[in-house]
């Protein structure tokens, strides 16, 4: 399997349909919570909605960078989630997340192998490969948080 297919498969594993590493994925976790659960604060932890927004911020920003050659996102804005006041608003966030997840995997799947070793936008950001692997690792990190927060919320509702 070539790197593009391997990386796209790993992205889909964590974001859309896998169970191998974490025995779950974002789609499974996000479709199982409603907007009140997604926005419920547990102690000083981020909400499920905030973590979803955060990962989607990077997916969308990197997709734009892949297409434009310009990186126009900043870490300081990655948690600027607007208020969510309804199930419809939460479902829109989830739908956007899932759409960006699939688009990101498809984009990686279509990349030429030689691109992975090239600098990503600017040499200070490392290579395309480093950034794509970073998305995978970052996504697993926050998926673990989402899974734990969801369990904490559901236990308090019983």
N, C-alpha and C. Protein backbone atom coordinates (compact mmCIF):
# COMPACT_ATOMS: atom_id res chain seq x y z
N UNK A 1 0.86 -1.18 0.00
CA UNK A 1 0.00 0.00 0.00
C UNK A 1 0.90 1.24 0.00
N UNK A 2 0.58 2.20 -0.82
CA UNK A 2 1.37 3.42 -0.89
C UNK A 2 1.03 4.35 0.27
N UNK A 3 1.89 5.31 0.50
CA UNK A 3 1.69 6.20 1.66
C UNK A 3 0.36 6.93 1.60
N UNK A 4 -0.03 7.39 0.43
CA UNK A 4 -1.29 8.12 0.33
C UNK A 4 -2.48 7.27 0.78
N UNK A 5 -2.49 6.01 0.36
CA UNK A 5 -3.59 5.13 0.75
C UNK A 5 -3.51 4.75 2.23
N UNK A 6 -2.31 4.53 2.72
CA UNK A 6 -2.13 4.21 4.14
C UNK A 6 -2.58 5.36 5.02
N UNK A 7 -2.16 6.57 4.69
CA UNK A 7 -2.54 7.75 5.49
C UNK A 7 -4.03 8.02 5.41
N UNK A 8 -4.61 7.90 4.23
CA UNK A 8 -6.06 8.12 4.09
C UNK A 8 -6.83 7.09 4.90
N UNK A 9 -6.35 5.87 4.90
CA UNK A 9 -6.99 4.82 5.69
C UNK A 9 -6.90 5.13 7.18
N UNK A 10 -5.75 5.60 7.64
CA UNK A 10 -5.59 5.94 9.05
C UNK A 10 -6.47 7.13 9.44
N UNK A 11 -6.62 8.09 8.54
CA UNK A 11 -7.51 9.23 8.81
C UNK A 11 -8.96 8.75 8.93
N UNK A 12 -9.38 7.92 8.02
CA UNK A 12 -10.75 7.41 8.10
C UNK A 12 -10.95 6.57 9.35
N UNK A 13 -9.91 5.86 9.76
CA UNK A 13 -9.97 5.03 10.97
C UNK A 13 -10.34 5.87 12.18
N UNK A 14 -9.65 6.95 12.41
CA UNK A 14 -9.90 7.77 13.59
C UNK A 14 -11.12 8.68 13.43
N UNK A 15 -11.34 9.17 12.22
CA UNK A 15 -12.39 10.17 12.04
C UNK A 15 -13.75 9.59 11.68
N UNK A 16 -13.77 8.53 10.90
CA UNK A 16 -15.04 8.14 10.28
C UNK A 16 -15.55 6.74 10.56
N UNK A 17 -14.69 5.74 10.61
CA UNK A 17 -15.28 4.41 10.64
C UNK A 17 -14.43 3.32 11.29
N UNK A 18 -13.36 3.67 11.94
CA UNK A 18 -12.47 2.63 12.45
C UNK A 18 -12.73 2.23 13.88
N UNK A 19 -12.16 1.09 14.22
CA UNK A 19 -12.24 0.58 15.59
C UNK A 19 -10.92 -0.03 16.04
N UNK A 20 -9.91 -0.03 15.18
CA UNK A 20 -8.70 -0.77 15.47
C UNK A 20 -7.90 -0.20 16.64
N UNK A 21 -7.60 1.07 16.65
CA UNK A 21 -6.76 1.67 17.69
C UNK A 21 -7.58 1.99 18.95
N UNK A 22 -8.64 2.75 18.79
CA UNK A 22 -9.40 3.26 19.94
C UNK A 22 -10.72 2.53 20.18
N UNK A 23 -11.04 1.57 19.35
CA UNK A 23 -12.31 0.84 19.43
C UNK A 23 -13.50 1.77 19.24
N UNK A 24 -13.24 2.93 18.63
CA UNK A 24 -14.29 3.90 18.32
C UNK A 24 -13.72 4.90 17.33
N UNK A 25 -14.52 5.88 16.95
CA UNK A 25 -14.08 6.93 16.04
C UNK A 25 -14.95 8.16 16.29
N UNK A 26 -14.59 9.28 15.68
CA UNK A 26 -15.34 10.52 15.90
C UNK A 26 -16.80 10.37 15.48
N UNK A 27 -17.04 9.83 14.28
CA UNK A 27 -18.43 9.72 13.82
C UNK A 27 -19.29 9.00 14.85
N UNK A 28 -18.81 7.87 15.31
CA UNK A 28 -19.55 7.07 16.28
C UNK A 28 -19.82 7.85 17.57
N UNK A 29 -18.80 8.53 18.06
CA UNK A 29 -18.95 9.29 19.30
C UNK A 29 -19.88 10.49 19.13
N UNK A 30 -19.71 11.23 18.04
CA UNK A 30 -20.48 12.46 17.85
C UNK A 30 -21.94 12.20 17.53
N UNK A 31 -22.21 11.14 16.79
CA UNK A 31 -23.61 10.83 16.47
C UNK A 31 -24.37 10.28 17.67
N UNK A 32 -23.65 9.94 18.73
CA UNK A 32 -24.29 9.36 19.92
C UNK A 32 -24.57 10.39 21.01
N UNK A 33 -24.32 11.68 20.73
CA UNK A 33 -24.62 12.71 21.74
C UNK A 33 -25.52 13.77 21.13
N UNK A 34 -26.38 14.32 21.99
CA UNK A 34 -27.24 15.41 21.54
C UNK A 34 -26.58 16.75 21.87
N UNK A 35 -27.23 17.82 21.50
CA UNK A 35 -26.59 19.12 21.65
C UNK A 35 -26.38 19.50 23.11
N UNK A 36 -27.29 19.08 24.00
CA UNK A 36 -27.10 19.39 25.42
C UNK A 36 -25.88 18.65 25.97
N UNK A 37 -25.72 17.39 25.58
CA UNK A 37 -24.55 16.63 26.02
C UNK A 37 -23.28 17.20 25.41
N UNK A 38 -23.33 17.57 24.15
CA UNK A 38 -22.15 18.10 23.46
C UNK A 38 -21.68 19.41 24.06
N UNK A 39 -22.60 20.17 24.63
CA UNK A 39 -22.23 21.48 25.19
C UNK A 39 -22.12 21.46 26.71
N UNK A 40 -22.37 20.32 27.32
CA UNK A 40 -22.32 20.22 28.79
C UNK A 40 -20.88 20.33 29.28
N UNK A 41 -20.69 21.21 30.22
CA UNK A 41 -19.37 21.41 30.82
C UNK A 41 -19.18 20.40 31.95
N UNK A 42 -18.03 19.73 31.96
CA UNK A 42 -17.65 18.81 33.02
C UNK A 42 -16.39 19.37 33.66
N UNK A 43 -16.55 19.84 34.89
CA UNK A 43 -15.44 20.47 35.61
C UNK A 43 -14.78 21.53 34.73
N UNK A 44 -13.47 21.49 34.60
CA UNK A 44 -12.80 22.51 33.79
C UNK A 44 -12.36 21.94 32.43
N UNK A 45 -12.96 20.82 32.02
CA UNK A 45 -12.62 20.21 30.74
C UNK A 45 -13.31 20.93 29.59
N UNK A 46 -12.75 20.80 28.40
CA UNK A 46 -13.43 21.30 27.21
C UNK A 46 -14.71 20.49 27.00
N UNK A 47 -15.66 21.06 26.31
CA UNK A 47 -16.87 20.33 25.97
C UNK A 47 -16.61 19.47 24.73
N UNK A 48 -17.47 18.51 24.51
CA UNK A 48 -17.40 17.69 23.31
C UNK A 48 -17.52 18.58 22.08
N UNK A 49 -18.41 19.55 22.13
CA UNK A 49 -18.59 20.47 21.01
C UNK A 49 -17.32 21.28 20.75
N UNK A 50 -16.68 21.76 21.81
CA UNK A 50 -15.45 22.55 21.64
C UNK A 50 -14.34 21.70 21.02
N UNK A 51 -14.22 20.46 21.45
CA UNK A 51 -13.19 19.57 20.89
C UNK A 51 -13.49 19.22 19.44
N UNK A 52 -14.75 19.06 19.12
CA UNK A 52 -15.16 18.80 17.74
C UNK A 52 -14.82 19.99 16.86
N UNK A 53 -15.17 21.17 17.33
CA UNK A 53 -14.87 22.41 16.60
C UNK A 53 -13.36 22.53 16.40
N UNK A 54 -12.60 22.24 17.43
CA UNK A 54 -11.14 22.36 17.42
C UNK A 54 -10.52 21.48 16.33
N UNK A 55 -10.88 20.23 16.28
CA UNK A 55 -10.33 19.33 15.25
C UNK A 55 -10.82 19.75 13.87
N UNK A 56 -12.08 20.11 13.75
CA UNK A 56 -12.62 20.56 12.47
C UNK A 56 -11.92 21.83 11.98
N UNK A 57 -11.57 22.72 12.90
CA UNK A 57 -10.85 23.95 12.55
C UNK A 57 -9.56 23.62 11.80
N UNK A 58 -8.84 22.63 12.30
CA UNK A 58 -7.59 22.24 11.65
C UNK A 58 -7.84 21.49 10.34
N UNK A 59 -8.83 20.62 10.31
CA UNK A 59 -9.15 19.93 9.05
C UNK A 59 -9.49 20.93 7.96
N UNK A 60 -10.37 21.85 8.28
CA UNK A 60 -10.80 22.85 7.29
C UNK A 60 -9.63 23.76 6.90
N UNK A 61 -8.85 24.18 7.87
CA UNK A 61 -7.71 25.06 7.59
C UNK A 61 -6.66 24.39 6.74
N UNK A 62 -6.38 23.12 7.01
CA UNK A 62 -5.39 22.39 6.21
C UNK A 62 -5.91 22.08 4.82
N UNK A 63 -7.20 21.78 4.71
CA UNK A 63 -7.78 21.60 3.38
C UNK A 63 -7.61 22.86 2.55
N UNK A 64 -7.88 24.00 3.15
CA UNK A 64 -7.70 25.27 2.44
C UNK A 64 -6.25 25.48 2.06
N UNK A 65 -5.34 25.12 2.95
CA UNK A 65 -3.91 25.26 2.67
C UNK A 65 -3.48 24.33 1.53
N UNK A 66 -4.00 23.10 1.51
CA UNK A 66 -3.68 22.18 0.43
C UNK A 66 -4.09 22.77 -0.92
N UNK A 67 -5.24 23.44 -0.93
CA UNK A 67 -5.78 23.95 -2.19
C UNK A 67 -5.21 25.30 -2.58
N UNK A 68 -4.92 26.16 -1.59
CA UNK A 68 -4.46 27.52 -1.90
C UNK A 68 -2.96 27.71 -1.78
N UNK A 69 -2.31 26.82 -1.05
CA UNK A 69 -0.88 27.01 -0.80
C UNK A 69 -0.60 28.02 0.30
N UNK A 70 -1.66 28.46 1.00
CA UNK A 70 -1.52 29.44 2.08
C UNK A 70 -2.11 28.87 3.36
N UNK A 71 -1.36 28.98 4.44
CA UNK A 71 -1.84 28.54 5.74
C UNK A 71 -2.40 29.75 6.47
N UNK A 72 -3.71 29.79 6.62
CA UNK A 72 -4.37 30.98 7.16
C UNK A 72 -5.10 30.71 8.47
N UNK A 73 -4.67 29.70 9.21
CA UNK A 73 -5.28 29.41 10.51
C UNK A 73 -4.26 29.72 11.59
N UNK A 74 -4.79 29.91 12.80
CA UNK A 74 -3.94 30.21 13.94
C UNK A 74 -4.46 29.45 15.15
N UNK A 75 -3.54 28.85 15.91
CA UNK A 75 -3.92 28.09 17.10
C UNK A 75 -4.82 28.89 18.03
N UNK A 76 -4.58 30.20 18.11
CA UNK A 76 -5.35 31.00 19.08
C UNK A 76 -6.84 31.08 18.76
N UNK A 77 -7.23 30.71 17.54
CA UNK A 77 -8.65 30.74 17.17
C UNK A 77 -9.28 29.35 17.14
N UNK A 78 -8.52 28.32 17.46
CA UNK A 78 -8.98 26.95 17.25
C UNK A 78 -10.05 26.47 18.23
N UNK A 79 -10.32 27.25 19.25
CA UNK A 79 -11.40 26.90 20.19
C UNK A 79 -12.51 27.96 20.20
N UNK A 80 -12.58 28.80 19.18
CA UNK A 80 -13.57 29.88 19.12
C UNK A 80 -14.93 29.38 18.62
N UNK A 81 -15.45 28.42 19.31
CA UNK A 81 -16.74 27.84 18.96
C UNK A 81 -17.87 28.84 19.26
N UNK A 82 -18.71 29.13 18.27
CA UNK A 82 -19.88 29.98 18.57
C UNK A 82 -20.87 29.22 19.45
N UNK A 83 -21.72 29.91 20.16
CA UNK A 83 -22.71 29.24 21.00
C UNK A 83 -23.59 28.28 20.20
N UNK A 84 -23.93 27.18 20.82
CA UNK A 84 -24.83 26.19 20.21
C UNK A 84 -26.09 26.20 21.05
N UNK A 85 -27.23 26.49 20.40
CA UNK A 85 -28.49 26.64 21.13
C UNK A 85 -29.57 25.68 20.70
N UNK A 86 -29.23 24.71 19.85
CA UNK A 86 -30.26 23.78 19.39
C UNK A 86 -29.62 22.52 18.83
N UNK A 87 -30.43 21.50 18.72
CA UNK A 87 -29.99 20.24 18.11
C UNK A 87 -29.60 20.47 16.65
N UNK A 88 -30.34 21.32 15.95
CA UNK A 88 -30.03 21.59 14.54
C UNK A 88 -28.64 22.22 14.40
N UNK A 89 -28.31 23.13 15.29
CA UNK A 89 -26.97 23.74 15.23
C UNK A 89 -25.88 22.71 15.50
N UNK A 90 -26.09 21.84 16.47
CA UNK A 90 -25.12 20.77 16.75
C UNK A 90 -25.00 19.84 15.56
N UNK A 91 -26.11 19.44 14.96
CA UNK A 91 -26.06 18.54 13.81
C UNK A 91 -25.34 19.17 12.62
N UNK A 92 -25.44 20.48 12.48
CA UNK A 92 -24.71 21.18 11.42
C UNK A 92 -23.21 21.10 11.67
N UNK A 93 -22.80 21.27 12.93
CA UNK A 93 -21.39 21.17 13.28
C UNK A 93 -20.88 19.75 13.00
N UNK A 94 -21.66 18.76 13.39
CA UNK A 94 -21.26 17.36 13.16
C UNK A 94 -21.18 17.08 11.66
N UNK A 95 -22.16 17.53 10.91
CA UNK A 95 -22.17 17.30 9.46
C UNK A 95 -20.96 17.96 8.79
N UNK A 96 -20.64 19.18 9.21
CA UNK A 96 -19.46 19.86 8.67
C UNK A 96 -18.19 19.10 9.01
N UNK A 97 -18.11 18.63 10.25
CA UNK A 97 -16.95 17.86 10.68
C UNK A 97 -16.79 16.61 9.83
N UNK A 98 -17.87 15.86 9.64
CA UNK A 98 -17.81 14.63 8.87
C UNK A 98 -17.48 14.90 7.40
N UNK A 99 -18.03 15.96 6.86
CA UNK A 99 -17.72 16.34 5.47
C UNK A 99 -16.23 16.68 5.33
N UNK A 100 -15.71 17.51 6.24
CA UNK A 100 -14.30 17.88 6.17
C UNK A 100 -13.40 16.67 6.40
N UNK A 101 -13.82 15.76 7.26
CA UNK A 101 -13.05 14.54 7.50
C UNK A 101 -12.90 13.72 6.22
N UNK A 102 -14.01 13.51 5.54
CA UNK A 102 -13.95 12.73 4.29
C UNK A 102 -13.18 13.48 3.22
N UNK A 103 -13.40 14.77 3.08
CA UNK A 103 -12.67 15.56 2.08
C UNK A 103 -11.17 15.52 2.36
N UNK A 104 -10.77 15.58 3.63
CA UNK A 104 -9.37 15.55 4.00
C UNK A 104 -8.77 14.19 3.62
N UNK A 105 -9.47 13.11 3.93
CA UNK A 105 -8.98 11.77 3.59
C UNK A 105 -8.87 11.61 2.07
N UNK A 106 -9.85 12.09 1.34
CA UNK A 106 -9.81 12.00 -0.13
C UNK A 106 -8.63 12.80 -0.68
N UNK A 107 -8.42 13.99 -0.14
CA UNK A 107 -7.31 14.83 -0.60
C UNK A 107 -5.98 14.12 -0.37
N UNK A 108 -5.80 13.52 0.79
CA UNK A 108 -4.57 12.79 1.09
C UNK A 108 -4.45 11.58 0.17
N UNK A 109 -5.54 10.91 -0.07
CA UNK A 109 -5.57 9.74 -0.94
C UNK A 109 -5.11 10.08 -2.36
N UNK A 110 -5.38 11.30 -2.78
CA UNK A 110 -5.06 11.73 -4.15
C UNK A 110 -3.65 12.31 -4.27
N UNK A 111 -2.93 12.46 -3.17
CA UNK A 111 -1.60 13.07 -3.22
C UNK A 111 -0.59 12.13 -3.85
N UNK A 112 0.31 12.72 -4.60
CA UNK A 112 1.43 11.97 -5.17
C UNK A 112 2.40 11.65 -4.04
N UNK A 113 3.03 10.49 -4.11
CA UNK A 113 3.95 10.04 -3.07
C UNK A 113 5.08 11.03 -2.82
N UNK A 114 5.58 11.67 -3.86
CA UNK A 114 6.71 12.59 -3.69
C UNK A 114 6.33 13.83 -2.88
N UNK A 115 5.05 14.17 -2.83
CA UNK A 115 4.61 15.35 -2.09
C UNK A 115 4.82 15.20 -0.59
N UNK A 116 4.72 14.01 -0.07
CA UNK A 116 4.79 13.80 1.38
C UNK A 116 6.12 14.25 1.98
N UNK A 117 7.18 14.21 1.20
CA UNK A 117 8.49 14.61 1.70
C UNK A 117 8.81 16.08 1.43
N UNK A 118 7.89 16.78 0.80
CA UNK A 118 8.08 18.19 0.49
C UNK A 118 7.70 19.07 1.69
N UNK A 119 8.30 20.25 1.79
CA UNK A 119 7.90 21.17 2.87
C UNK A 119 6.42 21.54 2.75
N UNK A 120 5.76 21.62 3.88
CA UNK A 120 4.35 22.01 3.92
C UNK A 120 4.28 23.52 4.06
N UNK A 121 3.91 24.20 3.02
CA UNK A 121 3.76 25.65 2.93
C UNK A 121 5.09 26.37 3.17
N UNK A 122 5.69 26.16 4.31
CA UNK A 122 6.96 26.78 4.70
C UNK A 122 7.77 25.72 5.43
N UNK A 123 9.07 25.72 5.22
CA UNK A 123 9.91 24.68 5.85
C UNK A 123 9.76 24.62 7.36
N UNK A 124 9.42 25.75 8.00
CA UNK A 124 9.28 25.75 9.47
C UNK A 124 8.15 24.85 9.94
N UNK A 125 7.21 24.50 9.05
CA UNK A 125 6.09 23.62 9.41
C UNK A 125 6.40 22.15 9.17
N UNK A 126 7.56 21.83 8.67
CA UNK A 126 7.91 20.45 8.38
C UNK A 126 7.34 20.01 7.04
N UNK A 127 7.23 18.71 6.86
CA UNK A 127 6.77 18.15 5.59
C UNK A 127 5.26 17.91 5.59
N UNK A 128 4.75 17.63 4.41
CA UNK A 128 3.34 17.23 4.31
C UNK A 128 3.09 16.00 5.17
N UNK A 129 4.01 15.03 5.12
CA UNK A 129 3.84 13.81 5.90
C UNK A 129 3.75 14.12 7.39
N UNK A 130 4.64 14.95 7.88
CA UNK A 130 4.63 15.30 9.31
C UNK A 130 3.31 15.94 9.72
N UNK A 131 2.79 16.80 8.88
CA UNK A 131 1.53 17.48 9.20
C UNK A 131 0.33 16.55 9.14
N UNK A 132 0.31 15.65 8.19
CA UNK A 132 -0.80 14.69 8.09
C UNK A 132 -0.75 13.72 9.26
N UNK A 133 0.44 13.21 9.58
CA UNK A 133 0.57 12.35 10.76
C UNK A 133 0.20 13.12 12.03
N UNK A 134 0.51 14.40 12.08
CA UNK A 134 0.12 15.23 13.22
C UNK A 134 -1.39 15.31 13.37
N UNK A 135 -2.10 15.40 12.26
CA UNK A 135 -3.57 15.42 12.30
C UNK A 135 -4.08 14.11 12.90
N UNK A 136 -3.51 13.01 12.49
CA UNK A 136 -3.94 11.70 13.00
C UNK A 136 -3.69 11.62 14.50
N UNK A 137 -2.48 11.96 14.93
CA UNK A 137 -2.13 11.89 16.36
C UNK A 137 -2.97 12.85 17.19
N UNK A 138 -3.13 14.07 16.71
CA UNK A 138 -3.93 15.09 17.40
C UNK A 138 -5.38 14.62 17.52
N UNK A 139 -5.88 14.01 16.46
CA UNK A 139 -7.26 13.53 16.47
C UNK A 139 -7.46 12.41 17.48
N UNK A 140 -6.52 11.48 17.57
CA UNK A 140 -6.65 10.41 18.57
C UNK A 140 -6.59 10.98 19.98
N UNK A 141 -5.73 11.95 20.20
CA UNK A 141 -5.62 12.58 21.52
C UNK A 141 -6.97 13.14 21.96
N UNK A 142 -7.61 13.91 21.09
CA UNK A 142 -8.89 14.51 21.46
C UNK A 142 -10.05 13.52 21.40
N UNK A 143 -9.95 12.47 20.58
CA UNK A 143 -10.97 11.43 20.59
C UNK A 143 -11.02 10.76 21.95
N UNK A 144 -9.87 10.53 22.54
CA UNK A 144 -9.84 9.96 23.90
C UNK A 144 -10.54 10.87 24.89
N UNK A 145 -10.31 12.16 24.77
CA UNK A 145 -10.98 13.10 25.67
C UNK A 145 -12.50 13.08 25.46
N UNK A 146 -12.91 13.09 24.21
CA UNK A 146 -14.35 13.06 23.91
C UNK A 146 -14.99 11.81 24.49
N UNK A 147 -14.34 10.68 24.32
CA UNK A 147 -14.88 9.41 24.84
C UNK A 147 -15.04 9.46 26.35
N UNK A 148 -14.03 9.97 27.04
CA UNK A 148 -14.10 10.06 28.51
C UNK A 148 -15.15 11.07 28.97
N UNK A 149 -15.20 12.22 28.34
CA UNK A 149 -16.19 13.24 28.71
C UNK A 149 -17.60 12.70 28.49
N UNK A 150 -17.80 12.02 27.37
CA UNK A 150 -19.11 11.43 27.09
C UNK A 150 -19.50 10.44 28.19
N UNK A 151 -18.58 9.58 28.60
CA UNK A 151 -18.86 8.63 29.67
C UNK A 151 -19.19 9.36 30.97
N UNK A 152 -18.46 10.41 31.28
CA UNK A 152 -18.74 11.17 32.51
C UNK A 152 -20.12 11.79 32.46
N UNK A 153 -20.51 12.33 31.33
CA UNK A 153 -21.82 12.95 31.18
C UNK A 153 -22.92 11.91 31.32
N UNK A 154 -22.77 10.80 30.63
CA UNK A 154 -23.81 9.77 30.65
C UNK A 154 -23.94 9.13 32.04
N UNK A 155 -22.85 9.00 32.77
CA UNK A 155 -22.92 8.45 34.12
C UNK A 155 -23.69 9.37 35.06
N UNK A 156 -23.56 10.67 34.86
CA UNK A 156 -24.26 11.61 35.73
C UNK A 156 -25.74 11.70 35.40
N UNK A 157 -26.14 11.23 34.22
CA UNK A 157 -27.55 11.28 33.83
C UNK A 157 -28.32 10.06 34.35
N UNK A 158 -27.62 9.06 34.80
CA UNK A 158 -28.27 7.82 35.26
C UNK A 158 -28.81 8.00 36.67
